[in-house]
Amino acid sequence: MDSIPAHVAQRPTTAHALLRLPSPVGRLELTADDEGILSLSIETDGQLPLDATEETPSPVLRRAAEQLDEYFAGTRRSFDLPVHLSRGTEFQRSVWARLASLNFGDVISYGALGSDVGRPGAARAIGGAVGANPVPIIIGCHRVLATSGQITGYSAGQGIPTKAWLLNHEGIAHR
Protein backbone atom coordinates (compact mmCIF):
# COMPACT_ATOMS: atom_id res chain seq x y z
CA MET A 1 0.00 0.00 0.00
CA ASP A 2 1.28 3.48 -0.87
CA SER A 3 1.91 5.90 1.96
CA ILE A 4 0.15 9.24 2.22
CA PRO A 5 1.96 11.76 -0.03
CA ALA A 6 3.95 14.37 1.88
CA HIS A 7 1.65 17.20 0.76
CA VAL A 8 -1.39 15.41 2.22
CA ALA A 9 -1.49 15.92 6.00
CA GLN A 10 -3.66 13.90 8.37
CA ARG A 11 -3.80 16.03 11.49
CA PRO A 12 -7.13 17.35 12.81
CA THR A 13 -7.90 20.82 11.49
CA THR A 14 -10.71 23.34 11.50
CA ALA A 15 -11.75 25.35 8.46
CA HIS A 16 -11.63 29.09 8.78
CA ALA A 17 -11.14 30.12 5.17
CA LEU A 18 -13.76 29.81 2.43
CA LEU A 19 -13.67 30.64 -1.28
CA ARG A 20 -16.08 30.02 -4.16
CA LEU A 21 -15.27 30.10 -7.85
CA PRO A 22 -17.00 29.32 -11.12
CA SER A 23 -15.99 26.27 -13.16
CA PRO A 24 -17.24 24.37 -16.21
CA VAL A 25 -18.78 21.74 -13.88
CA GLY A 26 -20.56 24.28 -11.65
CA ARG A 27 -19.52 26.56 -8.83
CA LEU A 28 -16.80 25.21 -6.57
CA GLU A 29 -16.49 25.87 -2.85
CA LEU A 30 -13.17 25.36 -1.09
CA THR A 31 -12.40 25.43 2.61
CA ALA A 32 -8.99 25.54 4.27
CA ASP A 33 -7.15 26.09 7.50
CA ASP A 34 -3.98 28.21 7.65
CA GLU A 35 -1.90 25.58 5.94
CA GLY A 36 -3.99 23.52 3.55
CA ILE A 37 -7.16 22.64 1.70
CA LEU A 38 -9.78 20.79 3.75
CA SER A 39 -12.61 20.38 1.25
CA LEU A 40 -13.77 21.05 -2.27
CA SER A 41 -17.49 20.88 -3.05
CA ILE A 42 -19.04 21.01 -6.52
CA GLU A 43 -22.40 22.73 -6.83
CA THR A 44 -25.35 20.35 -6.80
CA ASP A 45 -28.71 21.59 -8.06
CA GLY A 46 -27.58 25.21 -7.65
CA GLN A 47 -26.45 24.73 -4.04
CA LEU A 48 -23.14 24.58 -2.19
CA PRO A 49 -22.85 23.38 1.42
CA LEU A 50 -21.79 26.76 2.82
CA ASP A 51 -23.71 29.09 0.48
CA ALA A 52 -25.03 31.08 3.45
CA THR A 53 -21.52 31.67 4.83
CA GLU A 54 -19.52 34.74 3.82
CA GLU A 55 -16.35 34.07 1.88
CA THR A 56 -13.08 34.44 3.78
CA PRO A 57 -10.33 33.86 1.20
CA SER A 58 -6.81 32.93 2.24
CA PRO A 59 -3.51 32.69 0.36
CA VAL A 60 -3.81 28.88 0.04
CA LEU A 61 -7.35 29.19 -1.32
CA ARG A 62 -6.31 31.85 -3.83
CA ARG A 63 -3.52 29.53 -4.98
CA ALA A 64 -6.02 26.67 -5.27
CA ALA A 65 -8.37 28.86 -7.32
CA GLU A 66 -5.53 29.75 -9.71
CA GLN A 67 -4.55 26.12 -10.13
CA LEU A 68 -8.16 24.99 -10.64
CA ASP A 69 -8.63 27.71 -13.29
CA GLU A 70 -5.48 26.44 -15.02
CA TYR A 71 -6.71 22.84 -14.82
CA PHE A 72 -10.04 23.75 -16.41
CA ALA A 73 -8.25 25.83 -19.08
CA GLY A 74 -6.18 22.76 -19.96
CA THR A 75 -2.83 24.29 -18.96
CA ARG A 76 -2.35 22.41 -15.67
CA ARG A 77 -2.11 18.64 -15.31
CA SER A 78 -1.21 18.35 -11.62
CA PHE A 79 -1.93 20.26 -8.45
CA ASP A 80 0.74 21.59 -6.13
CA LEU A 81 -1.41 22.30 -3.10
CA PRO A 82 -1.27 21.25 0.53
CA VAL A 83 -4.29 19.06 1.31
CA HIS A 84 -5.33 18.06 4.83
CA LEU A 85 -7.32 14.86 5.04
CA SER A 86 -8.38 15.40 8.62
CA ARG A 87 -11.54 13.33 8.45
CA GLY A 88 -12.10 9.79 7.35
CA THR A 89 -11.06 6.38 8.52
CA GLU A 90 -7.59 4.96 8.02
CA PHE A 91 -9.05 2.86 5.19
CA GLN A 92 -10.59 5.91 3.48
CA ARG A 93 -7.34 7.85 3.81
CA SER A 94 -5.44 4.92 2.23
CA VAL A 95 -7.82 5.02 -0.75
CA TRP A 96 -7.48 8.81 -1.04
CA ALA A 97 -3.68 8.53 -0.88
CA ARG A 98 -3.73 6.06 -3.77
CA LEU A 99 -6.04 8.36 -5.73
CA ALA A 100 -3.65 11.27 -5.05
CA SER A 101 -0.90 9.30 -6.78
CA LEU A 102 -2.84 9.11 -10.07
CA ASN A 103 -1.75 11.54 -12.76
CA PHE A 104 -3.82 13.55 -15.21
CA GLY A 105 -5.34 11.10 -17.70
CA ASP A 106 -4.67 8.00 -15.57
CA VAL A 107 -7.50 5.63 -14.80
CA ILE A 108 -7.89 2.81 -12.29
CA SER A 109 -10.66 0.29 -11.72
CA TYR A 110 -12.36 -0.17 -8.38
CA GLY A 111 -10.91 -3.69 -8.23
CA ALA A 112 -7.34 -2.56 -8.92
CA LEU A 113 -7.74 0.22 -6.37
CA GLY A 114 -8.89 -2.35 -3.79
CA SER A 115 -5.89 -4.55 -4.53
CA ASP A 116 -3.55 -1.57 -4.29
CA VAL A 117 -4.75 -0.69 -0.79
CA GLY A 118 -4.75 -4.28 0.44
CA ARG A 119 -8.51 -4.85 0.18
CA PRO A 120 -9.06 -7.02 -2.93
CA GLY A 121 -12.69 -7.91 -3.43
CA ALA A 122 -13.93 -4.95 -1.38
CA ALA A 123 -15.39 -3.03 -4.34
CA ARG A 124 -18.37 -1.68 -2.39
CA ALA A 125 -16.14 -0.36 0.43
CA ILE A 126 -13.74 1.08 -2.16
CA GLY A 127 -16.65 2.82 -3.89
CA GLY A 128 -17.78 4.27 -0.57
CA ALA A 129 -14.30 5.59 0.20
CA VAL A 130 -13.94 7.06 -3.30
CA GLY A 131 -17.34 8.76 -2.92
CA ALA A 132 -16.32 10.23 0.45
CA ASN A 133 -13.23 11.97 -0.99
CA PRO A 134 -13.34 15.49 0.54
CA VAL A 135 -11.34 17.12 -2.27
CA PRO A 136 -12.58 15.86 -5.65
CA ILE A 137 -10.72 17.11 -8.73
CA ILE A 138 -7.61 17.91 -6.67
CA ILE A 139 -7.54 14.25 -5.60
CA GLY A 140 -8.92 12.70 -8.79
CA CYS A 141 -11.67 10.34 -7.69
CA HIS A 142 -13.24 10.85 -11.13
CA ARG A 143 -10.41 8.63 -12.48
CA VAL A 144 -11.97 5.47 -11.01
CA LEU A 145 -14.09 3.39 -13.39
CA ALA A 146 -15.55 -0.09 -13.54
CA THR A 147 -13.21 -2.66 -15.11
CA SER A 148 -15.30 -2.35 -18.29
CA GLY A 149 -14.57 1.38 -18.47
CA GLN A 150 -18.11 2.24 -17.47
CA ILE A 151 -18.97 5.14 -15.20
CA THR A 152 -20.83 3.62 -12.27
CA GLY A 153 -21.48 6.79 -10.31
CA TYR A 154 -20.09 10.03 -8.97
CA SER A 155 -21.09 11.74 -5.74
CA ALA A 156 -20.08 15.33 -6.61
CA GLY A 157 -21.84 17.98 -8.67
CA GLN A 158 -24.47 16.57 -11.00
CA GLY A 159 -23.15 13.03 -10.64
CA ILE A 160 -22.35 11.07 -13.80
CA PRO A 161 -22.48 14.12 -16.15
CA THR A 162 -19.90 15.86 -13.94
CA LYS A 163 -17.66 12.79 -13.92
CA ALA A 164 -18.04 12.38 -17.70
CA TRP A 165 -17.00 16.02 -18.22
CA LEU A 166 -13.88 15.56 -16.07
CA LEU A 167 -12.96 12.30 -17.82
CA ASN A 168 -13.44 13.88 -21.25
CA HIS A 169 -11.36 16.88 -20.16
CA GLU A 170 -8.49 14.53 -19.31
CA GLY A 171 -8.95 12.40 -22.44
CA ILE A 172 -9.93 9.30 -20.46
CA ALA A 173 -12.04 6.85 -22.47
CA HIS A 174 -15.20 5.68 -20.73
CA ARG A 175 -18.59 4.16 -21.38
C-alpha atoms as a PDB file:
ATOM      1  CA  MET A   1       0.000   0.000   0.000  1.00  0.00           C
ATOM      2  CA  ASP A   2       1.276   3.477  -0.867  1.00  0.00           C
ATOM      3  CA  SER A   3       1.905   5.902   1.955  1.00  0.00           C
ATOM      4  CA  ILE A   4       0.150   9.244   2.216  1.00  0.00           C
ATOM      5  CA  PRO A   5       1.957  11.760  -0.029  1.00  0.00           C
ATOM      6  CA  ALA A   6       3.952  14.371   1.876  1.00  0.00           C
ATOM      7  CA  HIS A   7       1.650  17.204   0.763  1.00  0.00           C
ATOM      8  CA  VAL A   8      -1.387  15.406   2.223  1.00  0.00           C
ATOM      9  CA  ALA A   9      -1.492  15.921   5.996  1.00  0.00           C
ATOM     10  CA  GLN A  10      -3.661  13.897   8.367  1.00  0.00           C
ATOM     11  CA  ARG A  11      -3.796  16.029  11.492  1.00  0.00           C
ATOM     12  CA  PRO A  12      -7.133  17.348  12.813  1.00  0.00           C
ATOM     13  CA  THR A  13      -7.899  20.816  11.492  1.00  0.00           C
ATOM     14  CA  THR A  14     -10.714  23.344  11.497  1.00  0.00           C
ATOM     15  CA  ALA A  15     -11.747  25.347   8.463  1.00  0.00           C
ATOM     16  CA  HIS A  16     -11.628  29.092   8.781  1.00  0.00           C
ATOM     17  CA  ALA A  17     -11.145  30.118   5.167  1.00  0.00           C
ATOM     18  CA  LEU A  18     -13.756  29.814   2.427  1.00  0.00           C
ATOM     19  CA  LEU A  19     -13.670  30.642  -1.277  1.00  0.00           C
ATOM     20  CA  ARG A  20     -16.078  30.024  -4.155  1.00  0.00           C
ATOM     21  CA  LEU A  21     -15.268  30.104  -7.850  1.00  0.00           C
ATOM     22  CA  PRO A  22     -16.999  29.321 -11.118  1.00  0.00           C
ATOM     23  CA  SER A  23     -15.991  26.274 -13.162  1.00  0.00           C
ATOM     24  CA  PRO A  24     -17.241  24.367 -16.206  1.00  0.00           C
ATOM     25  CA  VAL A  25     -18.781  21.743 -13.882  1.00  0.00           C
ATOM     26  CA  GLY A  26     -20.563  24.279 -11.647  1.00  0.00           C
ATOM     27  CA  ARG A  27     -19.523  26.561  -8.828  1.00  0.00           C
ATOM     28  CA  LEU A  28     -16.798  25.210  -6.569  1.00  0.00           C
ATOM     29  CA  GLU A  29     -16.491  25.866  -2.850  1.00  0.00           C
ATOM     30  CA  LEU A  30     -13.168  25.357  -1.092  1.00  0.00           C
ATOM     31  CA  THR A  31     -12.396  25.429   2.606  1.00  0.00           C
ATOM     32  CA  ALA A  32      -8.993  25.539   4.267  1.00  0.00           C
ATOM     33  CA  ASP A  33      -7.151  26.093   7.497  1.00  0.00           C
ATOM     34  CA  ASP A  34      -3.982  28.213   7.649  1.00  0.00           C
ATOM     35  CA  GLU A  35      -1.896  25.578   5.943  1.00  0.00           C
ATOM     36  CA  GLY A  36      -3.988  23.520   3.546  1.00  0.00           C
ATOM     37  CA  ILE A  37      -7.161  22.644   1.696  1.00  0.00           C
ATOM     38  CA  LEU A  38      -9.777  20.791   3.754  1.00  0.00           C
ATOM     39  CA  SER A  39     -12.607  20.384   1.252  1.00  0.00           C
ATOM     40  CA  LEU A  40     -13.775  21.046  -2.274  1.00  0.00           C
ATOM     41  CA  SER A  41     -17.487  20.880  -3.052  1.00  0.00           C
ATOM     42  CA  ILE A  42     -19.043  21.011  -6.515  1.00  0.00           C
ATOM     43  CA  GLU A  43     -22.399  22.734  -6.835  1.00  0.00           C
ATOM     44  CA  THR A  44     -25.349  20.349  -6.801  1.00  0.00           C
ATOM     45  CA  ASP A  45     -28.706  21.592  -8.057  1.00  0.00           C
ATOM     46  CA  GLY A  46     -27.577  25.212  -7.654  1.00  0.00           C
ATOM     47  CA  GLN A  47     -26.454  24.734  -4.045  1.00  0.00           C
ATOM     48  CA  LEU A  48     -23.141  24.581  -2.191  1.00  0.00           C
ATOM     49  CA  PRO A  49     -22.849  23.376   1.419  1.00  0.00           C
ATOM     50  CA  LEU A  50     -21.788  26.762   2.823  1.00  0.00           C
ATOM     51  CA  ASP A  51     -23.711  29.086   0.480  1.00  0.00           C
ATOM     52  CA  ALA A  52     -25.033  31.078   3.448  1.00  0.00           C
ATOM     53  CA  THR A  53     -21.521  31.671   4.825  1.00  0.00           C
ATOM     54  CA  GLU A  54     -19.521  34.738   3.825  1.00  0.00           C
ATOM     55  CA  GLU A  55     -16.345  34.070   1.881  1.00  0.00           C
ATOM     56  CA  THR A  56     -13.080  34.441   3.781  1.00  0.00           C
ATOM     57  CA  PRO A  57     -10.327  33.861   1.200  1.00  0.00           C
ATOM     58  CA  SER A  58      -6.813  32.935   2.237  1.00  0.00           C
ATOM     59  CA  PRO A  59      -3.511  32.685   0.355  1.00  0.00           C
ATOM     60  CA  VAL A  60      -3.807  28.884   0.041  1.00  0.00           C
ATOM     61  CA  LEU A  61      -7.352  29.185  -1.323  1.00  0.00           C
ATOM     62  CA  ARG A  62      -6.314  31.853  -3.830  1.00  0.00           C
ATOM     63  CA  ARG A  63      -3.517  29.534  -4.977  1.00  0.00           C
ATOM     64  CA  ALA A  64      -6.017  26.669  -5.272  1.00  0.00           C
ATOM     65  CA  ALA A  65      -8.373  28.856  -7.320  1.00  0.00           C
ATOM     66  CA  GLU A  66      -5.528  29.753  -9.712  1.00  0.00           C
ATOM     67  CA  GLN A  67      -4.553  26.119 -10.126  1.00  0.00           C
ATOM     68  CA  LEU A  68      -8.163  24.990 -10.641  1.00  0.00           C
ATOM     69  CA  ASP A  69      -8.633  27.713 -13.292  1.00  0.00           C
ATOM     70  CA  GLU A  70      -5.478  26.444 -15.022  1.00  0.00           C
ATOM     71  CA  TYR A  71      -6.712  22.839 -14.817  1.00  0.00           C
ATOM     72  CA  PHE A  72     -10.036  23.749 -16.415  1.00  0.00           C
ATOM     73  CA  ALA A  73      -8.249  25.832 -19.079  1.00  0.00           C
ATOM     74  CA  GLY A  74      -6.177  22.763 -19.956  1.00  0.00           C
ATOM     75  CA  THR A  75      -2.830  24.293 -18.961  1.00  0.00           C
ATOM     76  CA  ARG A  76      -2.350  22.408 -15.668  1.00  0.00           C
ATOM     77  CA  ARG A  77      -2.114  18.645 -15.308  1.00  0.00           C
ATOM     78  CA  SER A  78      -1.211  18.349 -11.616  1.00  0.00           C
ATOM     79  CA  PHE A  79      -1.931  20.261  -8.446  1.00  0.00           C
ATOM     80  CA  ASP A  80       0.736  21.590  -6.133  1.00  0.00           C
ATOM     81  CA  LEU A  81      -1.410  22.298  -3.100  1.00  0.00           C
ATOM     82  CA  PRO A  82      -1.274  21.246   0.535  1.00  0.00           C
ATOM     83  CA  VAL A  83      -4.286  19.057   1.309  1.00  0.00           C
ATOM     84  CA  HIS A  84      -5.332  18.062   4.827  1.00  0.00           C
ATOM     85  CA  LEU A  85      -7.316  14.861   5.041  1.00  0.00           C
ATOM     86  CA  SER A  86      -8.375  15.402   8.623  1.00  0.00           C
ATOM     87  CA  ARG A  87     -11.539  13.331   8.451  1.00  0.00           C
ATOM     88  CA  GLY A  88     -12.098   9.788   7.353  1.00  0.00           C
ATOM     89  CA  THR A  89     -11.056   6.379   8.525  1.00  0.00           C
ATOM     90  CA  GLU A  90      -7.590   4.959   8.021  1.00  0.00           C
ATOM     91  CA  PHE A  91      -9.047   2.860   5.188  1.00  0.00           C
ATOM     92  CA  GLN A  92     -10.590   5.908   3.481  1.00  0.00           C
ATOM     93  CA  ARG A  93      -7.341   7.845   3.805  1.00  0.00           C
ATOM     94  CA  SER A  94      -5.439   4.924   2.226  1.00  0.00           C
ATOM     95  CA  VAL A  95      -7.824   5.023  -0.749  1.00  0.00           C
ATOM     96  CA  TRP A  96      -7.481   8.806  -1.040  1.00  0.00           C
ATOM     97  CA  ALA A  97      -3.684   8.529  -0.882  1.00  0.00           C
ATOM     98  CA  ARG A  98      -3.726   6.060  -3.766  1.00  0.00           C
ATOM     99  CA  LEU A  99      -6.039   8.364  -5.726  1.00  0.00           C
ATOM    100  CA  ALA A 100      -3.650  11.266  -5.047  1.00  0.00           C
ATOM    101  CA  SER A 101      -0.900   9.297  -6.784  1.00  0.00           C
ATOM    102  CA  LEU A 102      -2.845   9.107 -10.068  1.00  0.00           C
ATOM    103  CA  ASN A 103      -1.753  11.537 -12.761  1.00  0.00           C
ATOM    104  CA  PHE A 104      -3.823  13.554 -15.213  1.00  0.00           C
ATOM    105  CA  GLY A 105      -5.343  11.101 -17.702  1.00  0.00           C
ATOM    106  CA  ASP A 106      -4.667   8.003 -15.566  1.00  0.00           C
ATOM    107  CA  VAL A 107      -7.501   5.634 -14.803  1.00  0.00           C
ATOM    108  CA  ILE A 108      -7.890   2.811 -12.293  1.00  0.00           C
ATOM    109  CA  SER A 109     -10.656   0.289 -11.716  1.00  0.00           C
ATOM    110  CA  TYR A 110     -12.357  -0.171  -8.376  1.00  0.00           C
ATOM    111  CA  GLY A 111     -10.910  -3.691  -8.225  1.00  0.00           C
ATOM    112  CA  ALA A 112      -7.340  -2.560  -8.918  1.00  0.00           C
ATOM    113  CA  LEU A 113      -7.736   0.217  -6.367  1.00  0.00           C
ATOM    114  CA  GLY A 114      -8.895  -2.349  -3.795  1.00  0.00           C
ATOM    115  CA  SER A 115      -5.891  -4.546  -4.526  1.00  0.00           C
ATOM    116  CA  ASP A 116      -3.546  -1.567  -4.294  1.00  0.00           C
ATOM    117  CA  VAL A 117      -4.754  -0.686  -0.786  1.00  0.00           C
ATOM    118  CA  GLY A 118      -4.754  -4.279   0.442  1.00  0.00           C
ATOM    119  CA  ARG A 119      -8.510  -4.852   0.179  1.00  0.00           C
ATOM    120  CA  PRO A 120      -9.063  -7.015  -2.931  1.00  0.00           C
ATOM    121  CA  GLY A 121     -12.695  -7.911  -3.430  1.00  0.00           C
ATOM    122  CA  ALA A 122     -13.928  -4.949  -1.383  1.00  0.00           C
ATOM    123  CA  ALA A 123     -15.391  -3.031  -4.341  1.00  0.00           C
ATOM    124  CA  ARG A 124     -18.365  -1.682  -2.390  1.00  0.00           C
ATOM    125  CA  ALA A 125     -16.140  -0.360   0.427  1.00  0.00           C
ATOM    126  CA  ILE A 126     -13.739   1.079  -2.160  1.00  0.00           C
ATOM    127  CA  GLY A 127     -16.653   2.817  -3.887  1.00  0.00           C
ATOM    128  CA  GLY A 128     -17.779   4.275  -0.572  1.00  0.00           C
ATOM    129  CA  ALA A 129     -14.298   5.593   0.202  1.00  0.00           C
ATOM    130  CA  VAL A 130     -13.944   7.058  -3.303  1.00  0.00           C
ATOM    131  CA  GLY A 131     -17.343   8.756  -2.916  1.00  0.00           C
ATOM    132  CA  ALA A 132     -16.321  10.227   0.448  1.00  0.00           C
ATOM    133  CA  ASN A 133     -13.234  11.972  -0.990  1.00  0.00           C
ATOM    134  CA  PRO A 134     -13.344  15.488   0.541  1.00  0.00           C
ATOM    135  CA  VAL A 135     -11.336  17.124  -2.272  1.00  0.00           C
ATOM    136  CA  PRO A 136     -12.577  15.859  -5.653  1.00  0.00           C
ATOM    137  CA  ILE A 137     -10.720  17.108  -8.734  1.00  0.00           C
ATOM    138  CA  ILE A 138      -7.609  17.912  -6.675  1.00  0.00           C
ATOM    139  CA  ILE A 139      -7.545  14.250  -5.604  1.00  0.00           C
ATOM    140  CA  GLY A 140      -8.920  12.704  -8.786  1.00  0.00           C
ATOM    141  CA  CYS A 141     -11.667  10.342  -7.694  1.00  0.00           C
ATOM    142  CA  HIS A 142     -13.238  10.845 -11.133  1.00  0.00           C
ATOM    143  CA  ARG A 143     -10.411   8.633 -12.478  1.00  0.00           C
ATOM    144  CA  VAL A 144     -11.971   5.468 -11.013  1.00  0.00           C
ATOM    145  CA  LEU A 145     -14.094   3.389 -13.390  1.00  0.00           C
ATOM    146  CA  ALA A 146     -15.548  -0.094 -13.537  1.00  0.00           C
ATOM    147  CA  THR A 147     -13.210  -2.665 -15.111  1.00  0.00           C
ATOM    148  CA  SER A 148     -15.305  -2.355 -18.288  1.00  0.00           C
ATOM    149  CA  GLY A 149     -14.565   1.378 -18.468  1.00  0.00           C
ATOM    150  CA  GLN A 150     -18.113   2.242 -17.472  1.00  0.00           C
ATOM    151  CA  ILE A 151     -18.966   5.136 -15.197  1.00  0.00           C
ATOM    152  CA  THR A 152     -20.835   3.619 -12.267  1.00  0.00           C
ATOM    153  CA  GLY A 153     -21.482   6.792 -10.306  1.00  0.00           C
ATOM    154  CA  TYR A 154     -20.086  10.035  -8.969  1.00  0.00           C
ATOM    155  CA  SER A 155     -21.090  11.744  -5.744  1.00  0.00           C
ATOM    156  CA  ALA A 156     -20.075  15.327  -6.612  1.00  0.00           C
ATOM    157  CA  GLY A 157     -21.835  17.975  -8.666  1.00  0.00           C
ATOM    158  CA  GLN A 158     -24.471  16.575 -11.000  1.00  0.00           C
ATOM    159  CA  GLY A 159     -23.154  13.027 -10.638  1.00  0.00           C
ATOM    160  CA  ILE A 160     -22.348  11.066 -13.799  1.00  0.00           C
ATOM    161  CA  PRO A 161     -22.484  14.115 -16.151  1.00  0.00           C
ATOM    162  CA  THR A 162     -19.895  15.864 -13.944  1.00  0.00           C
ATOM    163  CA  LYS A 163     -17.661  12.787 -13.923  1.00  0.00           C
ATOM    164  CA  ALA A 164     -18.039  12.379 -17.703  1.00  0.00           C
ATOM    165  CA  TRP A 165     -17.001  16.017 -18.222  1.00  0.00           C
ATOM    166  CA  LEU A 166     -13.880  15.557 -16.066  1.00  0.00           C
ATOM    167  CA  LEU A 167     -12.956  12.297 -17.816  1.00  0.00           C
ATOM    168  CA  ASN A 168     -13.440  13.875 -21.253  1.00  0.00           C
ATOM    169  CA  HIS A 169     -11.360  16.880 -20.159  1.00  0.00           C
ATOM    170  CA  GLU A 170      -8.494  14.526 -19.307  1.00  0.00           C
ATOM    171  CA  GLY A 171      -8.951  12.398 -22.444  1.00  0.00           C
ATOM    172  CA  ILE A 172      -9.934   9.300 -20.459  1.00  0.00           C
ATOM    173  CA  ALA A 173     -12.035   6.846 -22.466  1.00  0.00           C
ATOM    174  CA  HIS A 174     -15.195   5.676 -20.732  1.00  0.00           C
ATOM    175  CA  ARG A 175     -18.594   4.160 -21.382  1.00  0.00           C
END
